[in-house]
Amino acid sequence: MLYPLTFHPLFKERVWGGRNLETLYRKSLPPGIPIGESWEISDRPGDESVIANGPLAGKNLRWLMEHHERDLLGGAASQNGRFPLLIKILDAQDKLSLQVHPPPQKAAELGGEPKTEMWYIVRAAPAAELYVGLKRGVTRQDFERKIQMGDAAGCFHRVPVKAGDAMFLPSGRVHAIGAGLVLFEIQQNSDTTYRVFDWNRVGLDGKPRELHIAQSLASIDFTDFEPSLVDTQFSTAGRFKIRPLARHALFKADLFRALSQESLVFTQPRLRIVAVLENRVRVTDGTTAVDLHPGQFCLVPASVKKLELGNKIGSRFLLVETGG
């Protein structure tokens, strides 16, 4: 019988990273290097999350998929035999490359994987922004010409952001994360990124990072002009405020805020992921209990019959459910 699972994070050195995951979330980062990503729940080749709690501690998510896929996923579909989602925290202290993830039909042609994702901003420096979609009226011809001139960034729609904002990014939406942002990323299990422009900087090896101009041009949705942040509002349900952030066939995500010290109970079994933003949340199936602090995540398998989330007053968390 599976139970609520936690995992050891996988830290990724990035040229644009920093040390905020250590100061904000007490994560034990390797010393002296810029960490841009913490992969919290991952079933990527060579990057399989290892279980941290309970009798399955030491096993990894790949093992779970190979031996308990039905109990883990329930009615949700796998991603080519792997766990369908990849969950991260990103610390962007410099701008990320201008990039795109291929939509499904183009991914198959190009030998990559599609990636639809959502960002939830947890910390933003003054004047922080996202680069998302194209400025209205920019054509493919305009874009190609700007690439040749080294000014592709001038084609991007720029969106000022603050903590609490969210952005949904379907495959094919060209984008970049600006400097001074920490965010939670909920994404389709994929690691295919085509870079259009990398600000003329060098990578960790001192050399310019590879660009993927042809693949990017084939993948970008050139009708995607000036997309907006998620504009949903909170509604009240019992002693909770709930804000829907994403509704997609791959996953849905909601932001919860507890108005009192009260539990939230789910009796419909399905795969869920709890990501704590503020205060504490206790996740229990009646037998196994997991206490989560900000920056911690719990995967609740679909076989769990009853899920209870115990909250402190003011607790905030994301609740992610897979399609199916």
C-alpha atoms as a PDB file:
ATOM      1  CA  MET A   1       0.000   0.000   0.000  1.00  0.00           C
ATOM      2  CA  LEU A   2       1.404   3.387  -1.001  1.00  0.00           C
ATOM      3  CA  TYR A   3       1.279   6.431   1.291  1.00  0.00           C
ATOM      4  CA  PRO A   4       2.018  10.196   1.105  1.00  0.00           C
ATOM      5  CA  LEU A   5       5.559  10.475  -0.237  1.00  0.00           C
ATOM      6  CA  THR A   6       8.308  13.055   0.105  1.00  0.00           C
ATOM      7  CA  PHE A   7      11.522  13.140  -1.911  1.00  0.00           C
ATOM      8  CA  HIS A   8      15.074  14.424  -1.690  1.00  0.00           C
ATOM      9  CA  PRO A   9      15.451  17.452  -3.986  1.00  0.00           C
ATOM     10  CA  LEU A  10      17.894  17.438  -6.894  1.00  0.00           C
ATOM     11  CA  PHE A  11      19.867  20.687  -7.193  1.00  0.00           C
ATOM     12  CA  LYS A  12      20.922  22.084 -10.568  1.00  0.00           C
ATOM     13  CA  GLU A  13      23.770  24.539 -11.064  1.00  0.00           C
ATOM     14  CA  ARG A  14      22.789  27.262 -13.529  1.00  0.00           C
ATOM     15  CA  VAL A  15      24.678  30.315 -14.790  1.00  0.00           C
ATOM     16  CA  TRP A  16      21.632  32.448 -13.878  1.00  0.00           C
ATOM     17  CA  GLY A  17      21.052  30.873 -10.445  1.00  0.00           C
ATOM     18  CA  GLY A  18      21.694  32.057  -6.889  1.00  0.00           C
ATOM     19  CA  ARG A  19      21.400  30.975  -3.236  1.00  0.00           C
ATOM     20  CA  ASN A  20      17.798  31.934  -2.421  1.00  0.00           C
ATOM     21  CA  LEU A  21      16.648  28.338  -2.013  1.00  0.00           C
ATOM     22  CA  GLU A  22      18.996  28.120   0.963  1.00  0.00           C
ATOM     23  CA  THR A  23      17.879  31.348   2.622  1.00  0.00           C
ATOM     24  CA  LEU A  24      14.157  31.051   1.854  1.00  0.00           C
ATOM     25  CA  TYR A  25      13.608  27.320   2.315  1.00  0.00           C
ATOM     26  CA  ARG A  26      16.611  26.062   4.309  1.00  0.00           C
ATOM     27  CA  LYS A  27      17.644  23.718   1.527  1.00  0.00           C
ATOM     28  CA  SER A  28      21.135  22.260   1.950  1.00  0.00           C
ATOM     29  CA  LEU A  29      22.682  23.524  -1.260  1.00  0.00           C
ATOM     30  CA  PRO A  30      26.161  22.492  -2.372  1.00  0.00           C
ATOM     31  CA  PRO A  31      28.521  25.307  -1.331  1.00  0.00           C
ATOM     32  CA  GLY A  32      29.914  28.013  -3.527  1.00  0.00           C
ATOM     33  CA  ILE A  33      27.947  27.531  -6.749  1.00  0.00           C
ATOM     34  CA  PRO A  34      24.846  29.217  -8.239  1.00  0.00           C
ATOM     35  CA  ILE A  35      21.833  26.910  -7.902  1.00  0.00           C
ATOM     36  CA  GLY A  36      19.066  27.799 -10.324  1.00  0.00           C
ATOM     37  CA  GLU A  37      16.738  24.826  -9.947  1.00  0.00           C
ATOM     38  CA  SER A  38      15.594  22.411  -7.278  1.00  0.00           C
ATOM     39  CA  TRP A  39      13.897  19.436  -8.912  1.00  0.00           C
ATOM     40  CA  GLU A  40      11.447  18.375  -6.236  1.00  0.00           C
ATOM     41  CA  ILE A  41       9.575  15.547  -8.008  1.00  0.00           C
ATOM     42  CA  SER A  42      11.322  14.152 -11.069  1.00  0.00           C
ATOM     43  CA  ASP A  43      11.286  11.028 -13.208  1.00  0.00           C
ATOM     44  CA  ARG A  44      13.830  12.102 -15.808  1.00  0.00           C
ATOM     45  CA  PRO A  45      16.584   9.741 -17.052  1.00  0.00           C
ATOM     46  CA  GLY A  46      19.471  10.145 -14.619  1.00  0.00           C
ATOM     47  CA  ASP A  47      17.414  12.482 -12.415  1.00  0.00           C
ATOM     48  CA  GLU A  48      14.938  10.232 -10.603  1.00  0.00           C
ATOM     49  CA  SER A  49      13.725  11.572  -7.258  1.00  0.00           C
ATOM     50  CA  VAL A  50      14.576   9.362  -4.267  1.00  0.00           C
ATOM     51  CA  ILE A  51      11.905   8.771  -1.610  1.00  0.00           C
ATOM     52  CA  ALA A  52      12.800  10.359   1.733  1.00  0.00           C
ATOM     53  CA  ASN A  53      10.132   8.988   4.108  1.00  0.00           C
ATOM     54  CA  GLY A  54       8.505   5.749   5.260  1.00  0.00           C
ATOM     55  CA  PRO A  55       9.215   2.099   4.418  1.00  0.00           C
ATOM     56  CA  LEU A  56       9.993   2.903   0.735  1.00  0.00           C
ATOM     57  CA  ALA A  57      12.745   5.400   1.635  1.00  0.00           C
ATOM     58  CA  GLY A  58      15.686   4.932  -0.708  1.00  0.00           C
ATOM     59  CA  LYS A  59      13.565   3.727  -3.617  1.00  0.00           C
ATOM     60  CA  ASN A  60      13.078   6.215  -6.433  1.00  0.00           C
ATOM     61  CA  LEU A  61      10.204   7.477  -8.533  1.00  0.00           C
ATOM     62  CA  ARG A  62      11.310   5.342 -11.496  1.00  0.00           C
ATOM     63  CA  TRP A  63      11.006   2.231  -9.306  1.00  0.00           C
ATOM     64  CA  LEU A  64       7.530   3.345  -8.228  1.00  0.00           C
ATOM     65  CA  MET A  65       6.449   3.753 -11.840  1.00  0.00           C
ATOM     66  CA  GLU A  66       7.846   0.344 -12.775  1.00  0.00           C
ATOM     67  CA  HIS A  67       6.296  -1.536  -9.849  1.00  0.00           C
ATOM     68  CA  HIS A  68       3.245   0.493  -8.720  1.00  0.00           C
ATOM     69  CA  GLU A  69       2.189   2.619 -11.684  1.00  0.00           C
ATOM     70  CA  ARG A  70      -1.555   1.982 -11.324  1.00  0.00           C
ATOM     71  CA  ASP A  71      -1.566   2.642  -7.580  1.00  0.00           C
ATOM     72  CA  LEU A  72       0.485   5.785  -8.114  1.00  0.00           C
ATOM     73  CA  LEU A  73      -1.289   7.319 -11.119  1.00  0.00           C
ATOM     74  CA  GLY A  74      -4.813   5.946 -10.931  1.00  0.00           C
ATOM     75  CA  GLY A  75      -6.567   7.159 -14.073  1.00  0.00           C
ATOM     76  CA  ALA A  76      -3.839   9.638 -15.040  1.00  0.00           C
ATOM     77  CA  ALA A  77      -1.747   8.865 -18.103  1.00  0.00           C
ATOM     78  CA  SER A  78       2.008   8.458 -17.922  1.00  0.00           C
ATOM     79  CA  GLN A  79       4.370  10.522 -20.076  1.00  0.00           C
ATOM     80  CA  ASN A  80       5.844   7.863 -22.369  1.00  0.00           C
ATOM     81  CA  GLY A  81       5.965   5.445 -19.441  1.00  0.00           C
ATOM     82  CA  ARG A  82       7.302   7.996 -16.959  1.00  0.00           C
ATOM     83  CA  PHE A  83       5.674  10.030 -14.197  1.00  0.00           C
ATOM     84  CA  PRO A  84       3.623  12.713 -16.021  1.00  0.00           C
ATOM     85  CA  LEU A  85       4.819  15.832 -14.175  1.00  0.00           C
ATOM     86  CA  LEU A  86       8.100  17.489 -13.234  1.00  0.00           C
ATOM     87  CA  ILE A  87       7.957  19.820 -10.214  1.00  0.00           C
ATOM     88  CA  LYS A  88      10.630  22.457  -9.559  1.00  0.00           C
ATOM     89  CA  ILE A  89      11.546  25.587  -7.648  1.00  0.00           C
ATOM     90  CA  LEU A  90      13.523  28.102  -9.716  1.00  0.00           C
ATOM     91  CA  ASP A  91      15.831  30.833  -8.418  1.00  0.00           C
ATOM     92  CA  ALA A  92      16.506  33.220 -11.303  1.00  0.00           C
ATOM     93  CA  GLN A  93      18.970  35.889 -10.203  1.00  0.00           C
ATOM     94  CA  ASP A  94      19.782  36.655 -13.830  1.00  0.00           C
ATOM     95  CA  LYS A  95      17.593  36.413 -16.920  1.00  0.00           C
ATOM     96  CA  LEU A  96      17.053  32.993 -18.444  1.00  0.00           C
ATOM     97  CA  SER A  97      17.520  32.479 -22.160  1.00  0.00           C
ATOM     98  CA  LEU A  98      14.710  33.429 -24.518  1.00  0.00           C
ATOM     99  CA  GLN A  99      13.314  30.013 -25.369  1.00  0.00           C
ATOM    100  CA  VAL A 100      10.414  27.827 -26.455  1.00  0.00           C
ATOM    101  CA  HIS A 101       9.224  24.265 -25.841  1.00  0.00           C
ATOM    102  CA  PRO A 102       7.816  22.484 -28.890  1.00  0.00           C
ATOM    103  CA  PRO A 103       4.085  21.742 -29.176  1.00  0.00           C
ATOM    104  CA  PRO A 104       3.198  18.027 -29.498  1.00  0.00           C
ATOM    105  CA  GLN A 105       3.039  17.860 -33.292  1.00  0.00           C
ATOM    106  CA  LYS A 106       6.361  19.671 -33.731  1.00  0.00           C
ATOM    107  CA  ALA A 107       8.053  17.802 -30.887  1.00  0.00           C
ATOM    108  CA  ALA A 108       7.485  14.520 -32.725  1.00  0.00           C
ATOM    109  CA  GLU A 109       9.020  15.955 -35.907  1.00  0.00           C
ATOM    110  CA  LEU A 110      12.009  17.485 -34.125  1.00  0.00           C
ATOM    111  CA  GLY A 111      12.770  14.539 -31.846  1.00  0.00           C
ATOM    112  CA  GLY A 112      11.960  16.470 -28.674  1.00  0.00           C
ATOM    113  CA  GLU A 113       9.229  16.475 -26.036  1.00  0.00           C
ATOM    114  CA  PRO A 114       6.356  18.951 -25.603  1.00  0.00           C
ATOM    115  CA  LYS A 115       6.203  20.934 -22.387  1.00  0.00           C
ATOM    116  CA  THR A 116       3.230  22.840 -21.027  1.00  0.00           C
ATOM    117  CA  GLU A 117       3.908  24.514 -17.683  1.00  0.00           C
ATOM    118  CA  MET A 118       2.741  26.975 -15.057  1.00  0.00           C
ATOM    119  CA  TRP A 119       4.733  29.430 -12.961  1.00  0.00           C
ATOM    120  CA  TYR A 120       3.697  30.705  -9.533  1.00  0.00           C
ATOM    121  CA  ILE A 121       5.806  33.650  -8.347  1.00  0.00           C
ATOM    122  CA  VAL A 122       6.848  33.448  -4.694  1.00  0.00           C
ATOM    123  CA  ARG A 123       9.414  36.244  -4.621  1.00  0.00           C
ATOM    124  CA  ALA A 124      10.026  39.157  -6.990  1.00  0.00           C
ATOM    125  CA  ALA A 125      12.579  41.927  -6.919  1.00  0.00           C
ATOM    126  CA  PRO A 126      11.370  45.465  -7.681  1.00  0.00           C
ATOM    127  CA  ALA A 127      10.717  45.864 -11.424  1.00  0.00           C
ATOM    128  CA  ALA A 128      10.920  42.079 -11.999  1.00  0.00           C
ATOM    129  CA  GLU A 129       9.302  40.875 -15.212  1.00  0.00           C
ATOM    130  CA  LEU A 130       8.605  37.932 -17.448  1.00  0.00           C
ATOM    131  CA  TYR A 131       9.122  37.748 -21.197  1.00  0.00           C
ATOM    132  CA  VAL A 132       6.084  35.890 -22.505  1.00  0.00           C
ATOM    133  CA  GLY A 133       4.665  35.668 -26.012  1.00  0.00           C
ATOM    134  CA  LEU A 134       5.229  38.182 -28.798  1.00  0.00           C
ATOM    135  CA  LYS A 135       4.505  41.874 -29.011  1.00  0.00           C
ATOM    136  CA  ARG A 136       1.321  42.415 -30.966  1.00  0.00           C
ATOM    137  CA  GLY A 137       1.933  42.488 -34.701  1.00  0.00           C
ATOM    138  CA  VAL A 138       5.367  40.819 -34.707  1.00  0.00           C
ATOM    139  CA  THR A 139       5.572  38.434 -37.667  1.00  0.00           C
ATOM    140  CA  ARG A 140       7.816  35.466 -38.242  1.00  0.00           C
ATOM    141  CA  GLN A 141       9.751  37.554 -40.756  1.00  0.00           C
ATOM    142  CA  ASP A 142      10.194  40.332 -38.173  1.00  0.00           C
ATOM    143  CA  PHE A 143      11.365  37.774 -35.627  1.00  0.00           C
ATOM    144  CA  GLU A 144      13.912  36.187 -37.957  1.00  0.00           C
ATOM    145  CA  ARG A 145      15.298  39.587 -38.890  1.00  0.00           C
ATOM    146  CA  LYS A 146      15.656  40.571 -35.206  1.00  0.00           C
ATOM    147  CA  ILE A 147      17.469  37.302 -34.486  1.00  0.00           C
ATOM    148  CA  GLN A 148      19.993  38.111 -37.201  1.00  0.00           C
ATOM    149  CA  MET A 149      20.428  41.584 -35.699  1.00  0.00           C
ATOM    150  CA  GLY A 150      20.929  40.140 -32.191  1.00  0.00           C
ATOM    151  CA  ASP A 151      17.787  41.880 -30.902  1.00  0.00           C
ATOM    152  CA  ALA A 152      15.273  39.028 -30.511  1.00  0.00           C
ATOM    153  CA  ALA A 153      14.369  40.296 -27.036  1.00  0.00           C
ATOM    154  CA  GLY A 154      12.750  43.330 -28.661  1.00  0.00           C
ATOM    155  CA  CYS A 155      10.035  41.061 -30.091  1.00  0.00           C
ATOM    156  CA  PHE A 156       8.943  39.711 -26.707  1.00  0.00           C
ATOM    157  CA  HIS A 157       5.974  40.873 -24.650  1.00  0.00           C
ATOM    158  CA  ARG A 158       7.216  41.916 -21.209  1.00  0.00           C
ATOM    159  CA  VAL A 159       4.986  41.458 -18.153  1.00  0.00           C
ATOM    160  CA  PRO A 160       5.760  43.096 -14.763  1.00  0.00           C
ATOM    161  CA  VAL A 161       5.233  40.606 -11.917  1.00  0.00           C
ATOM    162  CA  LYS A 162       5.072  40.460  -8.145  1.00  0.00           C
ATOM    163  CA  ALA A 163       4.790  37.691  -5.554  1.00  0.00           C
ATOM    164  CA  GLY A 164       1.452  35.880  -5.920  1.00  0.00           C
ATOM    165  CA  ASP A 165       1.242  36.239  -9.703  1.00  0.00           C
ATOM    166  CA  ALA A 166       0.915  33.182 -11.944  1.00  0.00           C
ATOM    167  CA  MET A 167       1.485  32.554 -15.640  1.00  0.00           C
ATOM    168  CA  PHE A 168       0.333  29.589 -17.734  1.00  0.00           C
ATOM    169  CA  LEU A 169       2.578  28.605 -20.642  1.00  0.00           C
ATOM    170  CA  PRO A 170       1.305  26.136 -23.229  1.00  0.00           C
ATOM    171  CA  SER A 171       3.876  24.486 -25.482  1.00  0.00           C
ATOM    172  CA  GLY A 172       4.796  26.814 -28.314  1.00  0.00           C
ATOM    173  CA  ARG A 173       4.657  30.011 -26.219  1.00  0.00           C
ATOM    174  CA  VAL A 174       8.040  31.736 -26.451  1.00  0.00           C
ATOM    175  CA  HIS A 175       9.226  32.958 -23.054  1.00  0.00           C
ATOM    176  CA  ALA A 176      11.929  33.763 -20.533  1.00  0.00           C
ATOM    177  CA  ILE A 177      12.076  34.380 -16.789  1.00  0.00           C
ATOM    178  CA  GLY A 178      13.497  37.755 -15.874  1.00  0.00           C
ATOM    179  CA  ALA A 179      16.062  38.483 -13.174  1.00  0.00           C
ATOM    180  CA  GLY A 180      15.229  38.600  -9.470  1.00  0.00           C
ATOM    181  CA  LEU A 181      12.502  35.954  -9.363  1.00  0.00           C
ATOM    182  CA  VAL A 182      11.864  32.813  -7.335  1.00  0.00           C
ATOM    183  CA  LEU A 183       9.003  30.671  -8.560  1.00  0.00           C
ATOM    184  CA  PHE A 184       7.366  27.271  -8.318  1.00  0.00           C
ATOM    185  CA  GLU A 185       7.116  25.517 -11.661  1.00  0.00           C
ATOM    186  CA  ILE A 186       4.533  22.827 -12.423  1.00  0.00           C
ATOM    187  CA  GLN A 187       5.276  21.261 -15.781  1.00  0.00           C
ATOM    188  CA  GLN A 188       4.732  18.375 -18.102  1.00  0.00           C
ATOM    189  CA  ASN A 189       7.543  15.826 -17.751  1.00  0.00           C
ATOM    190  CA  SER A 190       9.915  17.130 -20.421  1.00  0.00           C
ATOM    191  CA  ASP A 191      13.353  18.652 -20.631  1.00  0.00           C
ATOM    192  CA  THR A 192      13.306  19.884 -24.253  1.00  0.00           C
ATOM    193  CA  THR A 193      14.193  23.572 -24.506  1.00  0.00           C
ATOM    194  CA  TYR A 194      15.070  25.414 -27.695  1.00  0.00           C
ATOM    195  CA  ARG A 195      17.029  28.629 -27.079  1.00  0.00           C
ATOM    196  CA  VAL A 196      16.468  31.610 -29.346  1.00  0.00           C
ATOM    197  CA  PHE A 197      18.753  34.129 -27.622  1.00  0.00           C
ATOM    198  CA  ASP A 198      20.973  33.971 -24.516  1.00  0.00           C
ATOM    199  CA  TRP A 199      21.864  37.625 -23.944  1.00  0.00           C
ATOM    200  CA  ASN A 200      25.339  37.166 -25.488  1.00  0.00           C
ATOM    201  CA  ARG A 201      26.653  35.619 -22.287  1.00  0.00           C
ATOM    202  CA  VAL A 202      28.770  32.535 -21.671  1.00  0.00           C
ATOM    203  CA  GLY A 203      27.767  29.400 -19.804  1.00  0.00           C
ATOM    204  CA  LEU A 204      29.380  27.775 -16.777  1.00  0.00           C
ATOM    205  CA  ASP A 205      32.142  26.419 -19.030  1.00  0.00           C
ATOM    206  CA  GLY A 206      33.055  29.900 -20.244  1.00  0.00           C
ATOM    207  CA  LYS A 207      31.659  29.302 -23.733  1.00  0.00           C
ATOM    208  CA  PRO A 208      28.448  30.612 -25.346  1.00  0.00           C
ATOM    209  CA  ARG A 209      25.555  28.202 -24.836  1.00  0.00           C
ATOM    210  CA  GLU A 210      24.108  26.481 -27.867  1.00  0.00           C
ATOM    211  CA  LEU A 211      21.204  28.149 -29.658  1.00  0.00           C
ATOM    212  CA  HIS A 212      18.490  26.249 -31.546  1.00  0.00           C
ATOM    213  CA  ILE A 213      17.238  28.767 -34.093  1.00  0.00           C
ATOM    214  CA  ALA A 214      15.697  26.385 -36.653  1.00  0.00           C
ATOM    215  CA  GLN A 215      13.939  24.295 -33.988  1.00  0.00           C
ATOM    216  CA  SER A 216      12.697  27.434 -32.246  1.00  0.00           C
ATOM    217  CA  LEU A 217      11.255  28.938 -35.395  1.00  0.00           C
ATOM    218  CA  ALA A 218       9.477  25.653 -36.103  1.00  0.00           C
ATOM    219  CA  SER A 219       8.019  25.558 -32.564  1.00  0.00           C
ATOM    220  CA  ILE A 220       6.974  29.148 -31.806  1.00  0.00           C
ATOM    221  CA  ASP A 221       3.293  30.030 -32.025  1.00  0.00           C
ATOM    222  CA  PHE A 222       3.477  33.227 -34.095  1.00  0.00           C
ATOM    223  CA  THR A 223      -0.182  34.037 -33.329  1.00  0.00           C
ATOM    224  CA  ASP A 224       0.454  34.184 -29.563  1.00  0.00           C
ATOM    225  CA  PHE A 225       0.425  37.923 -28.830  1.00  0.00           C
ATOM    226  CA  GLU A 226       0.763  39.564 -25.417  1.00  0.00           C
ATOM    227  CA  PRO A 227      -0.634  36.859 -23.108  1.00  0.00           C
ATOM    228  CA  SER A 228      -1.820  37.938 -19.673  1.00  0.00           C
ATOM    229  CA  LEU A 229      -1.094  36.677 -16.201  1.00  0.00           C
ATOM    230  CA  VAL A 230      -3.637  34.292 -14.697  1.00  0.00           C
ATOM    231  CA  ASP A 231      -6.506  36.633 -13.741  1.00  0.00           C
ATOM    232  CA  THR A 232      -8.645  34.390 -11.529  1.00  0.00           C
ATOM    233  CA  GLN A 233      -9.805  35.529  -8.092  1.00  0.00           C
ATOM    234  CA  PHE A 234     -10.168  33.841  -4.713  1.00  0.00           C
ATOM    235  CA  SER A 235     -13.513  32.357  -3.722  1.00  0.00           C
ATOM    236  CA  THR A 236     -14.494  31.159  -0.263  1.00  0.00           C
ATOM    237  CA  ALA A 237     -15.171  27.492   0.447  1.00  0.00           C
ATOM    238  CA  GLY A 238     -15.781  26.797   4.134  1.00  0.00           C
ATOM    239  CA  ARG A 239     -12.755  28.026   6.058  1.00  0.00           C
ATOM    240  CA  PHE A 240     -10.543  28.303   2.981  1.00  0.00           C
ATOM    241  CA  LYS A 241      -9.923  30.776   0.200  1.00  0.00           C
ATOM    242  CA  ILE A 242      -9.316  29.002  -3.124  1.00  0.00           C
ATOM    243  CA  ARG A 243      -7.970  30.458  -6.346  1.00  0.00           C
ATOM    244  CA  PRO A 244      -7.862  28.322  -9.520  1.00  0.00           C
ATOM    245  CA  LEU A 245      -4.558  28.809 -11.366  1.00  0.00           C
ATOM    246  CA  ALA A 246      -4.537  26.214 -14.145  1.00  0.00           C
ATOM    247  CA  ARG A 247      -7.088  24.026 -15.910  1.00  0.00           C
ATOM    248  CA  HIS A 248      -5.562  21.790 -18.569  1.00  0.00           C
ATOM    249  CA  ALA A 249      -5.822  18.176 -19.709  1.00  0.00           C
ATOM    250  CA  LEU A 250      -2.335  17.549 -18.249  1.00  0.00           C
ATOM    251  CA  PHE A 251      -2.899  19.069 -14.809  1.00  0.00           C
ATOM    252  CA  LYS A 252      -4.927  21.500 -12.768  1.00  0.00           C
ATOM    253  CA  ALA A 253      -3.589  23.665  -9.977  1.00  0.00           C
ATOM    254  CA  ASP A 254      -5.292  25.630  -7.195  1.00  0.00           C
ATOM    255  CA  LEU A 255      -3.974  28.007  -4.570  1.00  0.00           C
ATOM    256  CA  PHE A 256      -5.404  27.437  -1.068  1.00  0.00           C
ATOM    257  CA  ARG A 257      -5.254  29.815   1.890  1.00  0.00           C
ATOM    258  CA  ALA A 258      -6.457  28.628   5.302  1.00  0.00           C
ATOM    259  CA  LEU A 259      -8.626  31.089   7.259  1.00  0.00           C
ATOM    260  CA  SER A 260      -8.480  29.014  10.438  1.00  0.00           C
ATOM    261  CA  GLN A 261      -6.707  26.023  11.912  1.00  0.00           C
ATOM    262  CA  GLU A 262      -8.871  23.533  10.090  1.00  0.00           C
ATOM    263  CA  SER A 263      -8.415  20.352   8.090  1.00  0.00           C
ATOM    264  CA  LEU A 264      -9.312  19.829   4.454  1.00  0.00           C
ATOM    265  CA  VAL A 265     -10.470  16.300   3.612  1.00  0.00           C
ATOM    266  CA  PHE A 266     -10.553  14.606   0.200  1.00  0.00           C
ATOM    267  CA  THR A 267     -12.313  11.270  -0.221  1.00  0.00           C
ATOM    268  CA  GLN A 268     -12.093  10.950  -4.006  1.00  0.00           C
ATOM    269  CA  PRO A 269      -8.840   9.083  -4.704  1.00  0.00           C
ATOM    270  CA  ARG A 270      -6.598  10.646  -7.333  1.00  0.00           C
ATOM    271  CA  LEU A 271      -2.981  11.616  -7.766  1.00  0.00           C
ATOM    272  CA  ARG A 272      -2.271  14.892  -5.960  1.00  0.00           C
ATOM    273  CA  ILE A 273       0.774  17.002  -5.162  1.00  0.00           C
ATOM    274  CA  VAL A 274       0.872  19.431  -2.232  1.00  0.00           C
ATOM    275  CA  ALA A 275       3.382  22.316  -2.424  1.00  0.00           C
ATOM    276  CA  VAL A 276       3.625  24.529   0.659  1.00  0.00           C
ATOM    277  CA  LEU A 277       4.141  28.271   0.222  1.00  0.00           C
ATOM    278  CA  GLU A 278       3.605  29.649   3.716  1.00  0.00           C
ATOM    279  CA  ASN A 279       3.276  28.320   7.286  1.00  0.00           C
ATOM    280  CA  ARG A 280       2.822  24.539   7.683  1.00  0.00           C
ATOM    281  CA  VAL A 281       0.607  21.791   6.325  1.00  0.00           C
ATOM    282  CA  ARG A 282       0.246  18.264   7.703  1.00  0.00           C
ATOM    283  CA  VAL A 283      -0.562  15.637   5.063  1.00  0.00           C
ATOM    284  CA  THR A 284      -2.001  12.357   6.317  1.00  0.00           C
ATOM    285  CA  ASP A 285      -3.832   9.311   4.984  1.00  0.00           C
ATOM    286  CA  GLY A 286      -4.804   8.227   8.503  1.00  0.00           C
ATOM    287  CA  THR A 287      -1.682   6.076   8.905  1.00  0.00           C
ATOM    288  CA  THR A 288       1.254   8.080   7.561  1.00  0.00           C
ATOM    289  CA  ALA A 289       1.617  11.771   8.427  1.00  0.00           C
ATOM    290  CA  VAL A 290       3.998  14.224   6.765  1.00  0.00           C
ATOM    291  CA  ASP A 291       4.641  17.731   8.127  1.00  0.00           C
ATOM    292  CA  LEU A 292       5.509  20.153   5.349  1.00  0.00           C
ATOM    293  CA  HIS A 293       7.210  23.531   5.663  1.00  0.00           C
ATOM    294  CA  PRO A 294       7.482  26.214   2.959  1.00  0.00           C
ATOM    295  CA  GLY A 295       9.365  24.934  -0.054  1.00  0.00           C
ATOM    296  CA  GLN A 296       8.461  21.302   0.661  1.00  0.00           C
ATOM    297  CA  PHE A 297       6.323  18.983  -1.456  1.00  0.00           C
ATOM    298  CA  CYS A 298       4.334  15.803  -0.971  1.00  0.00           C
ATOM    299  CA  LEU A 299       3.105  13.380  -3.620  1.00  0.00           C
ATOM    300  CA  VAL A 300      -0.149  11.662  -2.656  1.00  0.00           C
ATOM    301  CA  PRO A 301      -0.675   8.472  -4.706  1.00  0.00           C
ATOM    302  CA  ALA A 302      -4.034   7.824  -6.338  1.00  0.00           C
ATOM    303  CA  SER A 303      -4.460   4.709  -4.181  1.00  0.00           C
ATOM    304  CA  VAL A 304      -4.801   6.824  -1.004  1.00  0.00           C
ATOM    305  CA  LYS A 305      -8.498   6.537  -0.132  1.00  0.00           C
ATOM    306  CA  LYS A 306      -8.751   9.483   2.241  1.00  0.00           C
ATOM    307  CA  LEU A 307      -6.464  12.505   2.275  1.00  0.00           C
ATOM    308  CA  GLU A 308      -6.463  15.036   5.095  1.00  0.00           C
ATOM    309  CA  LEU A 309      -4.582  18.329   4.983  1.00  0.00           C
ATOM    310  CA  GLY A 310      -4.191  19.912   8.411  1.00  0.00           C
ATOM    311  CA  ASN A 311      -3.436  23.644   8.249  1.00  0.00           C
ATOM    312  CA  LYS A 312      -2.237  26.396  10.507  1.00  0.00           C
ATOM    313  CA  ILE A 313      -4.034  29.748  10.276  1.00  0.00           C
ATOM    314  CA  GLY A 314      -2.670  31.518   7.223  1.00  0.00           C
ATOM    315  CA  SER A 315      -1.191  28.427   5.620  1.00  0.00           C
ATOM    316  CA  ARG A 316      -0.902  28.742   1.847  1.00  0.00           C
ATOM    317  CA  PHE A 317      -0.253  25.876  -0.526  1.00  0.00           C
ATOM    318  CA  LEU A 318      -0.667  24.756  -4.099  1.00  0.00           C
ATOM    319  CA  LEU A 319      -2.701  21.651  -4.764  1.00  0.00           C
ATOM    320  CA  VAL A 320      -1.940  20.016  -8.107  1.00  0.00           C
ATOM    321  CA  GLU A 321      -3.979  17.210  -9.633  1.00  0.00           C
ATOM    322  CA  THR A 322      -3.160  15.341 -12.810  1.00  0.00           C
ATOM    323  CA  GLY A 323      -5.525  14.780 -15.698  1.00  0.00           C
ATOM    324  CA  GLY A 324      -7.589  11.591 -15.788  1.00  0.00           C
END
